[in-house]
Amino acid sequence: MDWFRNLNTGKKMAVAFGIIEILMIGLGVFSLVQLSRVNGTTEQIVDNKMPSVRLLGSLKYDTAAMRRSELSYLLAYEHKEKWDSAMKQALDDIQQHEKLYAPLINSEEERGFDQEFRQTWEKYLAVHEKVMAMTKDNEYQANVLAQSEGNTAFEAAAVALQAEIDANDRSAAAFTRSGSELYASSRYWIIGCMVCAVLAGFGMATAMGRAISTAIVRMLTQMQEIAANNLSVDDIQVDSDDEIGQASLALNTMKNNLRDVIQTIATTAERVAGASEEISSDAE
C-alpha cells in the first residue's frame, strides 16, 4: 500500500470514492441482471405455463364433453340432433384449443406427450366414426362398440392428456422453485455486496482519517515543543510523500535550521564576548 500512502490527499479521496462507486455500480448491475432473470422466470409462468395448464384443462373438459355427448346420443330415443350438435361443438372446441396450445409447447417432454395424445385421440375418433355409422343400422351393436373399443380408446387418450397436464404442472413447479431459489441467492449476494461496500468505505475512511490525524498530531506536538523553546526534539517520522508528509519534512527542516541558526548566534555571541574581554584587558 506504499503507492496509496504516497498519493496526495485529493488522489487518495478520489481512489477511495472510486472504489466505493465501482462496488456500488457492480451491485447495481448484478441486481439488474438477477432481477431480469427473476422476471424471465415470472414471464415463463405467466405467459406460458399458466395458459398451457388452462388450455389443457379446457381440452380435458372438451374430450369429456365429447364422450358424454356420444354416449347420450346412443342412449337417446328422440331429439338425437341435440347431442349431435353437442358433439360437433365439442370437436370444434378441441380443435381450437389444440391450435392455441401448440405454440406454447417449449420442451421435448411436452411435445412427446402432445403427440401421444393426438395419436390416441385420432384412434378414438376413428372408433367414434364407426359407432356413428353403425347407429343407422344397429344401435345395439353401436352401443357395444362404444362401450368396449370406444371406451378403451377414450381412456388411452384421457391418460395421455392427463400425462401432458402433469408435465406442465411439473414444469410450472420447476419454474416456481427456480424463481424462489434465484430470489434467495440474489438476496444473499446483494446483501453481501452491500456489506462489502460498506466495510470497504468504512475501512478506507478510517484508514485515511487515522493516517491524517496521526500525522497532524505529530506535527502539533513538534510545534508545541518548538514554541516551548525545545529545539532538541526528534524529527517527525514521515511515512508518506503526500501533502502532510511534505509538510512534516518542511517542519523538520525548519526546526533543524532554526536550531542551527540559534547555535550559530550563540557561538558568535561567545566569540564577541571573548573579544570584548580581550579588548577590555588590553585597555586596562
Protein backbone atom coordinates (compact mmCIF):
# COMPACT_ATOMS: atom_id res chain seq x y z
CA MET A 1 0.00 0.00 0.00
CA ASP A 2 3.01 2.32 -0.32
CA TRP A 3 1.67 3.68 -3.58
CA PHE A 4 -1.54 4.69 -1.82
CA ARG A 5 0.27 6.39 1.07
CA ASN A 6 2.40 8.36 -1.37
CA LEU A 7 -0.62 9.80 -3.21
CA ASN A 8 -1.71 13.30 -2.38
CA THR A 9 -4.87 13.72 -0.33
CA GLY A 10 -7.05 14.59 -3.32
CA LYS A 11 -5.99 11.46 -5.20
CA LYS A 12 -6.45 9.32 -2.10
CA MET A 13 -10.02 10.53 -1.76
CA ALA A 14 -10.61 10.02 -5.48
CA VAL A 15 -9.30 6.43 -5.28
CA ALA A 16 -11.35 5.67 -2.15
CA PHE A 17 -14.60 7.04 -3.53
CA GLY A 18 -13.84 5.47 -6.93
CA ILE A 19 -13.57 2.02 -5.34
CA ILE A 20 -16.83 2.57 -3.48
CA GLU A 21 -18.54 3.74 -6.67
CA ILE A 22 -17.24 0.70 -8.57
CA LEU A 23 -18.63 -1.57 -5.87
CA MET A 24 -21.98 0.20 -5.98
CA ILE A 25 -22.09 0.08 -9.79
CA GLY A 26 -21.24 -3.62 -9.67
CA LEU A 27 -24.00 -4.14 -7.12
CA GLY A 28 -26.46 -2.27 -9.34
CA VAL A 29 -25.52 -4.26 -12.46
CA PHE A 30 -25.70 -7.56 -10.57
CA SER A 31 -29.10 -6.59 -9.13
CA LEU A 32 -30.42 -5.70 -12.60
CA VAL A 33 -29.18 -9.00 -14.06
CA GLN A 34 -30.74 -11.03 -11.26
CA LEU A 35 -33.99 -9.07 -11.48
CA SER A 36 -34.04 -9.78 -15.22
CA ARG A 37 -33.65 -13.50 -14.53
CA VAL A 38 -36.42 -13.42 -11.93
CA ASN A 39 -38.60 -11.51 -14.39
CA GLY A 40 -37.86 -14.12 -17.07
CA THR A 41 -38.99 -16.88 -14.72
CA THR A 42 -42.16 -14.95 -13.91
CA GLU A 43 -42.87 -14.39 -17.59
CA GLN A 44 -42.45 -18.11 -18.28
CA ILE A 45 -45.02 -18.90 -15.61
CA VAL A 46 -47.49 -16.15 -16.56
CA ASP A 47 -47.12 -16.19 -20.35
CA ASN A 48 -46.55 -19.90 -20.96
CA LYS A 49 -47.28 -22.29 -18.12
CA MET A 50 -50.49 -20.76 -16.84
CA PRO A 51 -52.05 -20.54 -20.35
CA SER A 52 -50.80 -24.07 -21.11
CA VAL A 53 -52.40 -25.53 -17.99
CA ARG A 54 -55.60 -23.58 -18.65
CA LEU A 55 -55.84 -24.79 -22.28
CA LEU A 56 -55.07 -28.39 -21.30
CA GLY A 57 -57.79 -28.18 -18.68
CA SER A 58 -60.16 -26.95 -21.40
CA LEU A 59 -59.09 -29.84 -23.62
CA LYS A 60 -59.79 -32.29 -20.83
CA TYR A 61 -63.24 -30.78 -20.40
CA ASP A 62 -63.84 -30.83 -24.18
CA THR A 63 -62.90 -34.50 -24.53
CA ALA A 64 -65.15 -35.40 -21.60
CA ALA A 65 -67.96 -33.40 -23.21
CA MET A 66 -67.39 -35.24 -26.47
CA ARG A 67 -67.55 -38.62 -24.78
CA ARG A 68 -70.58 -37.64 -22.72
CA SER A 69 -72.42 -36.34 -25.78
CA GLU A 70 -71.58 -39.51 -27.72
CA LEU A 71 -73.00 -41.78 -25.01
CA SER A 72 -76.03 -39.53 -24.57
CA TYR A 73 -76.64 -39.71 -28.33
CA LEU A 74 -76.57 -43.50 -28.22
CA LEU A 75 -78.93 -43.68 -25.26
CA ALA A 76 -81.39 -41.07 -26.51
CA TYR A 77 -84.63 -42.28 -28.11
CA GLU A 78 -85.56 -38.89 -29.53
CA HIS A 79 -84.04 -35.46 -30.12
CA LYS A 80 -80.74 -37.03 -31.06
CA GLU A 81 -79.91 -33.87 -33.02
CA LYS A 82 -79.31 -32.10 -29.68
CA TRP A 83 -76.43 -34.43 -28.82
CA ASP A 84 -75.19 -34.48 -32.39
CA SER A 85 -74.84 -30.69 -32.21
CA ALA A 86 -73.08 -31.01 -28.84
CA MET A 87 -70.56 -33.47 -30.32
CA LYS A 88 -69.80 -31.15 -33.21
CA GLN A 89 -69.34 -28.26 -30.80
CA ALA A 90 -67.00 -30.34 -28.63
CA LEU A 91 -64.92 -31.34 -31.66
CA ASP A 92 -64.66 -27.69 -32.75
CA ASP A 93 -63.58 -26.67 -29.23
CA ILE A 94 -60.95 -29.43 -29.13
CA GLN A 95 -59.54 -28.35 -32.48
CA GLN A 96 -59.45 -24.68 -31.43
CA HIS A 97 -57.80 -25.37 -28.06
CA GLU A 98 -55.20 -27.67 -29.65
CA LYS A 99 -54.37 -24.92 -32.13
CA LEU A 100 -53.91 -22.40 -29.29
CA TYR A 101 -51.85 -24.81 -27.20
CA ALA A 102 -49.37 -25.88 -29.92
CA PRO A 103 -47.29 -22.61 -29.89
CA LEU A 104 -46.90 -22.85 -26.10
CA ILE A 105 -45.03 -26.17 -26.18
CA ASN A 106 -41.42 -25.43 -25.23
CA SER A 107 -39.92 -28.78 -24.24
CA GLU A 108 -39.41 -32.17 -25.83
CA GLU A 109 -41.26 -33.86 -22.98
CA GLU A 110 -44.38 -31.77 -23.56
CA ARG A 111 -44.13 -32.26 -27.33
CA GLY A 112 -43.91 -36.03 -26.85
CA PHE A 113 -46.98 -36.11 -24.61
CA ASP A 114 -48.88 -33.89 -27.04
CA GLN A 115 -48.10 -36.18 -29.95
CA GLU A 116 -49.17 -39.19 -27.90
CA PHE A 117 -52.47 -37.51 -27.05
CA ARG A 118 -53.13 -36.61 -30.67
CA GLN A 119 -52.44 -40.17 -31.80
CA THR A 120 -54.68 -41.75 -29.15
CA TRP A 121 -57.38 -39.17 -29.81
CA GLU A 122 -57.28 -39.93 -33.55
CA LYS A 123 -57.79 -43.61 -32.70
CA TYR A 124 -60.77 -42.71 -30.55
CA LEU A 125 -62.23 -40.57 -33.33
CA ALA A 126 -61.83 -43.47 -35.73
CA VAL A 127 -63.84 -45.68 -33.37
CA HIS A 128 -66.34 -42.85 -32.96
CA GLU A 129 -66.88 -42.69 -36.72
CA LYS A 130 -67.57 -46.44 -36.77
CA VAL A 131 -70.02 -46.05 -33.90
CA MET A 132 -71.89 -43.21 -35.58
CA ALA A 133 -72.07 -45.11 -38.86
CA MET A 134 -73.30 -48.24 -37.07
CA THR A 135 -76.15 -46.39 -35.34
CA LYS A 136 -78.01 -46.18 -38.66
CA ASP A 137 -78.27 -49.97 -38.91
CA ASN A 138 -77.83 -51.42 -35.43
CA GLU A 139 -77.87 -49.16 -32.36
CA TYR A 140 -77.24 -52.07 -30.03
CA GLN A 141 -74.00 -53.03 -31.77
CA ALA A 142 -73.07 -49.36 -31.85
CA ASN A 143 -73.50 -49.18 -28.06
CA VAL A 144 -71.42 -52.32 -27.60
CA LEU A 145 -68.65 -50.90 -29.76
CA ALA A 146 -68.76 -47.57 -27.93
CA GLN A 147 -68.61 -49.28 -24.53
CA SER A 148 -65.79 -51.64 -25.46
CA GLU A 149 -63.35 -50.44 -28.10
CA GLY A 150 -64.52 -46.84 -27.81
CA ASN A 151 -64.08 -46.81 -24.06
CA THR A 152 -60.55 -48.27 -24.35
CA ALA A 153 -59.57 -45.68 -26.95
CA PHE A 154 -61.02 -42.81 -24.93
CA GLU A 155 -59.30 -43.95 -21.72
CA ALA A 156 -55.97 -44.09 -23.57
CA ALA A 157 -56.50 -40.55 -24.86
CA ALA A 158 -57.53 -39.37 -21.38
CA VAL A 159 -54.39 -40.91 -19.84
CA ALA A 160 -52.18 -39.25 -22.46
CA LEU A 161 -53.87 -35.88 -21.88
CA GLN A 162 -53.51 -36.21 -18.11
CA ALA A 163 -49.80 -37.02 -18.54
CA GLU A 164 -49.46 -33.84 -20.61
CA ILE A 165 -51.19 -31.84 -17.89
CA ASP A 166 -48.92 -33.36 -15.23
CA ALA A 167 -45.84 -32.49 -17.30
CA ASN A 168 -46.92 -28.87 -17.49
CA ASP A 169 -47.64 -28.83 -13.76
CA ARG A 170 -44.15 -30.16 -13.07
CA SER A 171 -42.63 -27.60 -15.41
CA ALA A 172 -44.55 -24.76 -13.75
CA ALA A 173 -43.46 -26.01 -10.32
CA ALA A 174 -39.83 -26.16 -11.53
CA PHE A 175 -40.01 -22.56 -12.74
CA THR A 176 -41.53 -21.55 -9.42
CA ARG A 177 -38.73 -23.27 -7.48
CA SER A 178 -36.14 -21.74 -9.79
CA GLY A 179 -37.58 -18.28 -9.19
CA SER A 180 -37.58 -18.81 -5.42
CA GLU A 181 -34.00 -20.12 -5.42
CA LEU A 182 -32.89 -17.27 -7.65
CA TYR A 183 -34.51 -14.75 -5.35
CA ALA A 184 -32.89 -16.29 -2.27
CA SER A 185 -29.40 -16.43 -3.83
CA SER A 186 -29.75 -12.91 -5.24
CA ARG A 187 -30.78 -11.60 -1.85
CA TYR A 188 -27.70 -13.10 -0.18
CA TRP A 189 -25.38 -11.84 -2.93
CA ILE A 190 -26.84 -8.34 -2.81
CA ILE A 191 -26.59 -8.22 0.98
CA GLY A 192 -23.00 -9.48 0.76
CA CYS A 193 -22.07 -6.85 -1.83
CA MET A 194 -23.68 -4.13 0.26
CA VAL A 195 -21.78 -5.28 3.36
CA CYS A 196 -18.51 -5.36 1.38
CA ALA A 197 -19.15 -1.86 0.02
CA VAL A 198 -19.95 -0.53 3.49
CA LEU A 199 -16.92 -2.22 5.06
CA ALA A 200 -14.64 -1.06 2.25
CA GLY A 201 -15.88 2.52 2.56
CA PHE A 202 -15.64 2.46 6.34
CA GLY A 203 -12.19 0.87 6.25
CA MET A 204 -10.76 3.33 3.73
CA ALA A 205 -12.32 6.31 5.50
CA THR A 206 -10.96 5.09 8.84
CA ALA A 207 -7.50 4.44 7.43
CA MET A 208 -7.33 7.85 5.75
CA GLY A 209 -8.66 9.61 8.84
CA ARG A 210 -6.26 7.78 11.14
CA ALA A 211 -3.26 8.49 8.89
CA ILE A 212 -4.12 12.20 8.59
CA SER A 213 -4.92 12.50 12.31
CA THR A 214 -1.68 10.76 13.37
CA ALA A 215 0.46 12.97 11.13
CA ILE A 216 -1.28 16.15 12.33
CA VAL A 217 -0.85 15.14 15.99
CA ARG A 218 2.89 14.60 15.40
CA MET A 219 3.20 17.99 13.73
CA LEU A 220 1.22 19.67 16.53
CA THR A 221 3.40 18.04 19.19
CA GLN A 222 6.58 19.28 17.48
CA MET A 223 5.13 22.78 17.08
CA GLN A 224 4.33 22.86 20.82
CA GLU A 225 7.90 21.78 21.65
CA ILE A 226 9.31 24.48 19.36
CA ALA A 227 7.01 27.05 20.99
CA ALA A 228 8.41 25.92 24.37
CA ASN A 229 11.98 26.64 23.09
CA ASN A 230 12.79 22.95 22.87
CA LEU A 231 14.65 22.53 19.60
CA SER A 232 16.25 19.26 20.57
CA VAL A 233 13.07 17.31 19.96
CA ASP A 234 13.41 14.43 17.49
CA ASP A 235 12.34 14.84 13.89
CA ILE A 236 8.81 13.78 12.93
CA GLN A 237 8.62 10.29 11.45
CA VAL A 238 7.42 10.65 7.86
CA ASP A 239 5.66 7.62 6.27
CA SER A 240 4.25 9.15 3.08
CA ASP A 241 5.03 11.58 0.30
CA ASP A 242 1.65 13.32 0.29
CA GLU A 243 1.00 16.93 1.34
CA ILE A 244 1.06 16.07 5.04
CA GLY A 245 4.30 14.14 4.66
CA GLN A 246 5.86 17.06 2.78
CA ALA A 247 4.62 19.46 5.46
CA SER A 248 6.19 17.25 8.13
CA LEU A 249 9.50 17.27 6.26
CA ALA A 250 9.30 21.06 5.95
CA LEU A 251 8.62 21.37 9.69
CA ASN A 252 11.60 19.14 10.45
CA THR A 253 13.78 21.25 8.18
CA MET A 254 12.52 24.49 9.76
CA LYS A 255 13.20 23.16 13.26
CA ASN A 256 16.68 21.98 12.36
CA ASN A 257 17.51 25.24 10.53
CA LEU A 258 16.24 27.27 13.46
CA ARG A 259 18.38 25.23 15.84
CA ASP A 260 21.43 25.72 13.63
CA VAL A 261 20.79 29.46 13.45
CA ILE A 262 20.49 29.72 17.23
CA GLN A 263 23.62 27.65 17.70
CA THR A 264 25.47 29.93 15.24
CA ILE A 265 24.22 33.01 17.06
CA ALA A 266 25.29 31.55 20.41
CA THR A 267 28.73 30.71 19.07
CA THR A 268 29.10 34.19 17.59
CA ALA A 269 27.96 35.78 20.86
CA GLU A 270 30.56 33.78 22.78
CA ARG A 271 33.25 34.92 20.37
CA VAL A 272 32.14 38.53 20.66
CA ALA A 273 32.15 38.24 24.44
CA GLY A 274 35.66 36.79 24.41
CA ALA A 275 36.87 39.51 22.09
CA SER A 276 35.34 42.17 24.35
CA GLU A 277 37.15 40.76 27.33
CA GLU A 278 40.44 40.83 25.44
CA ILE A 279 39.87 44.44 24.35
CA SER A 280 38.93 45.41 27.89
CA SER A 281 42.06 43.74 29.25
CA ASP A 282 44.28 45.45 26.70
CA ALA A 283 42.70 48.80 27.53
CA GLU A 284 43.45 48.38 31.19
